[in-house]
Structure formats: structure tokens, C-alpha cells
Amino acid sequence: MADAEDVRRLALSLAGVEEIDSDGFDFRVGGRGFVWSYPERVPGQRRVLRTDIAVLYVGDEAEKQALLLGEPDLFFTTPSYDGLPLVMVRLEKVGPERLSELVVDAWRMRTEP
């Protein structure tokens, strides 16, 4: 089981990462986001930053679909993310090694030209 502090520790261990001031967590490299708190939007209510869910940059639609179909208990998406190379991961269901892999992969994809 992982949490927001695990995300923070992993992200800040990577080169060139900056943390954006947020009520949750928000990490960028070269000005490009790679992992942040899920901004849940419920109609008629204010947006709530969910620090138990991380949004990850995954590079492309094929990778997104592979994660969503391969591990539906761990990954999900919402209509507001349709067409974007982003997935949400339930931190309570991810182990430390897998979380590290996901965060590093997201960072790497944002640092490559």
C-alpha cells in the first residue's frame, strides 16, 4: 500500500523535478506534469484533490488502454481524461516497487524529446 508521501519521495528523488504548490501533490519536470493528485469533480460541488489517487502521464493511448484493461482494480479513468495519455492509480492498491516503476516511467517519458 502506497500513499502521497511515497509519491512525493519518489518524485523528488528524480533529476530536475519541481513540486508545484498544491493542496495535494503535483510534480513536473521541464514544466511538464508527470504525476499529481487526482482533482475529483463532482457535479454541483467544488473540486476535491484526492491524495489517495495519483494521475500519471503514460505517453500514449495504447499504454493507457493496456494499463486500464490489464489491471482494472489498480487503474481507472474518467470521461474528462478521454483522449489524454493519463490514468489514475489507486495508491492503496499499489506496492512500493510498482509505484516506483510507474513514477519513474512517467518522469522518463516527460524528459525524453
Protein backbone atom coordinates (compact mmCIF):
# COMPACT_ATOMS: atom_id res chain seq x y z
CA MET A 1 0.00 0.00 0.00
CA ALA A 2 1.34 3.40 -1.00
CA ASP A 3 0.37 6.95 -0.11
CA ALA A 4 1.01 10.57 -1.09
CA GLU A 5 4.28 10.68 0.86
CA ASP A 6 5.58 7.71 -1.15
CA VAL A 7 4.74 9.56 -4.37
CA ARG A 8 6.45 12.70 -3.06
CA ARG A 9 9.59 10.80 -2.00
CA LEU A 10 9.87 9.02 -5.35
CA ALA A 11 9.19 12.09 -7.49
CA LEU A 12 11.63 14.31 -5.62
CA SER A 13 14.38 11.70 -5.96
CA LEU A 14 14.37 12.19 -9.74
CA ALA A 15 16.53 14.73 -11.56
CA GLY A 16 15.05 18.10 -12.49
CA VAL A 17 11.76 17.63 -10.65
CA GLU A 18 9.91 20.54 -9.15
CA GLU A 19 6.96 20.32 -6.80
CA ILE A 20 4.15 22.75 -7.54
CA ASP A 21 2.37 24.28 -4.55
CA SER A 22 -0.87 22.36 -4.15
CA ASP A 23 -3.28 21.08 -1.53
CA GLY A 24 -2.24 17.63 -2.72
CA PHE A 25 0.85 16.79 -4.75
CA ASP A 26 1.89 17.98 -8.21
CA PHE A 27 5.25 17.18 -9.80
CA ARG A 28 6.72 18.43 -13.06
CA VAL A 29 9.91 18.09 -14.98
CA GLY A 30 10.82 20.67 -17.60
CA GLY A 31 7.49 22.36 -16.89
CA ARG A 32 5.55 19.21 -17.83
CA GLY A 33 3.44 17.31 -15.31
CA PHE A 34 4.11 13.62 -14.79
CA VAL A 35 2.31 12.76 -11.53
CA TRP A 36 -0.24 14.72 -9.48
CA SER A 37 -3.21 14.36 -7.14
CA TYR A 38 -6.49 13.47 -8.79
CA PRO A 39 -8.75 16.54 -8.97
CA GLU A 40 -12.13 14.87 -8.46
CA ARG A 41 -15.01 16.86 -9.86
CA VAL A 42 -18.50 16.02 -8.66
CA PRO A 43 -21.26 17.97 -10.44
CA GLY A 44 -22.58 20.78 -8.29
CA GLN A 45 -19.66 20.59 -5.85
CA ARG A 46 -16.20 22.10 -5.57
CA ARG A 47 -13.24 20.19 -6.94
CA VAL A 48 -11.54 17.99 -4.33
CA LEU A 49 -7.89 16.96 -4.60
CA ARG A 50 -7.70 13.25 -3.84
CA THR A 51 -4.27 12.40 -2.44
CA ASP A 52 -5.19 8.71 -2.33
CA ILE A 53 -5.30 8.69 -6.15
CA ALA A 54 -2.44 9.71 -8.43
CA VAL A 55 -2.79 10.85 -12.03
CA LEU A 56 0.09 9.51 -14.12
CA TYR A 57 1.31 10.52 -17.56
CA VAL A 58 1.57 7.31 -19.63
CA GLY A 59 2.75 8.57 -23.01
CA ASP A 60 0.04 7.39 -25.39
CA GLU A 61 -3.40 5.85 -25.76
CA ALA A 62 -2.05 2.32 -26.32
CA GLU A 63 -0.23 2.31 -22.97
CA LYS A 64 -3.27 3.82 -21.28
CA GLN A 65 -5.55 1.09 -22.61
CA ALA A 66 -3.06 -1.65 -21.71
CA LEU A 67 -2.98 -0.47 -18.09
CA LEU A 68 -6.74 0.01 -17.84
CA LEU A 69 -7.55 -3.39 -19.35
CA GLY A 70 -4.72 -5.29 -17.71
CA GLU A 71 -5.22 -4.07 -14.14
CA PRO A 72 -8.71 -2.59 -13.73
CA ASP A 73 -8.53 -2.86 -9.93
CA LEU A 74 -5.47 -0.61 -9.90
CA PHE A 75 -6.04 1.83 -12.78
CA PHE A 76 -9.06 3.81 -13.93
CA THR A 77 -10.01 6.86 -15.95
CA THR A 78 -12.89 9.30 -16.26
CA PRO A 79 -14.57 10.91 -19.27
CA SER A 80 -12.68 14.17 -18.60
CA TYR A 81 -9.45 12.29 -19.42
CA ASP A 82 -10.72 10.78 -22.69
CA GLY A 83 -8.16 11.25 -25.43
CA LEU A 84 -5.40 12.17 -22.96
CA PRO A 85 -2.45 9.89 -22.14
CA LEU A 86 -3.29 9.86 -18.43
CA VAL A 87 -4.51 7.21 -16.00
CA MET A 88 -5.42 7.30 -12.36
CA VAL A 89 -3.89 4.82 -9.94
CA ARG A 90 -5.40 3.84 -6.60
CA LEU A 91 -2.45 4.28 -4.24
CA GLU A 92 -3.91 1.96 -1.61
CA LYS A 93 -3.67 -0.91 -4.11
CA VAL A 94 -0.13 -0.37 -5.43
CA GLY A 95 3.03 -1.70 -3.83
CA PRO A 96 6.22 0.34 -3.45
CA GLU A 97 8.13 -1.35 -6.29
CA ARG A 98 5.29 -0.92 -8.77
CA LEU A 99 4.71 2.67 -7.70
CA SER A 100 8.39 3.39 -8.26
CA GLU A 101 8.22 1.86 -11.73
CA LEU A 102 5.14 3.93 -12.63
CA VAL A 103 6.53 7.24 -11.36
CA VAL A 104 9.93 6.72 -12.98
CA ASP A 105 8.33 5.73 -16.29
CA ALA A 106 6.10 8.82 -16.24
CA TRP A 107 9.10 11.05 -15.44
CA ARG A 108 11.22 9.40 -18.16
CA MET A 109 8.53 9.92 -20.82
CA ARG A 110 8.36 13.62 -19.94
CA THR A 111 12.14 14.06 -20.05
CA GLU A 112 12.66 12.42 -23.45
CA PRO A 113 12.47 14.64 -26.54
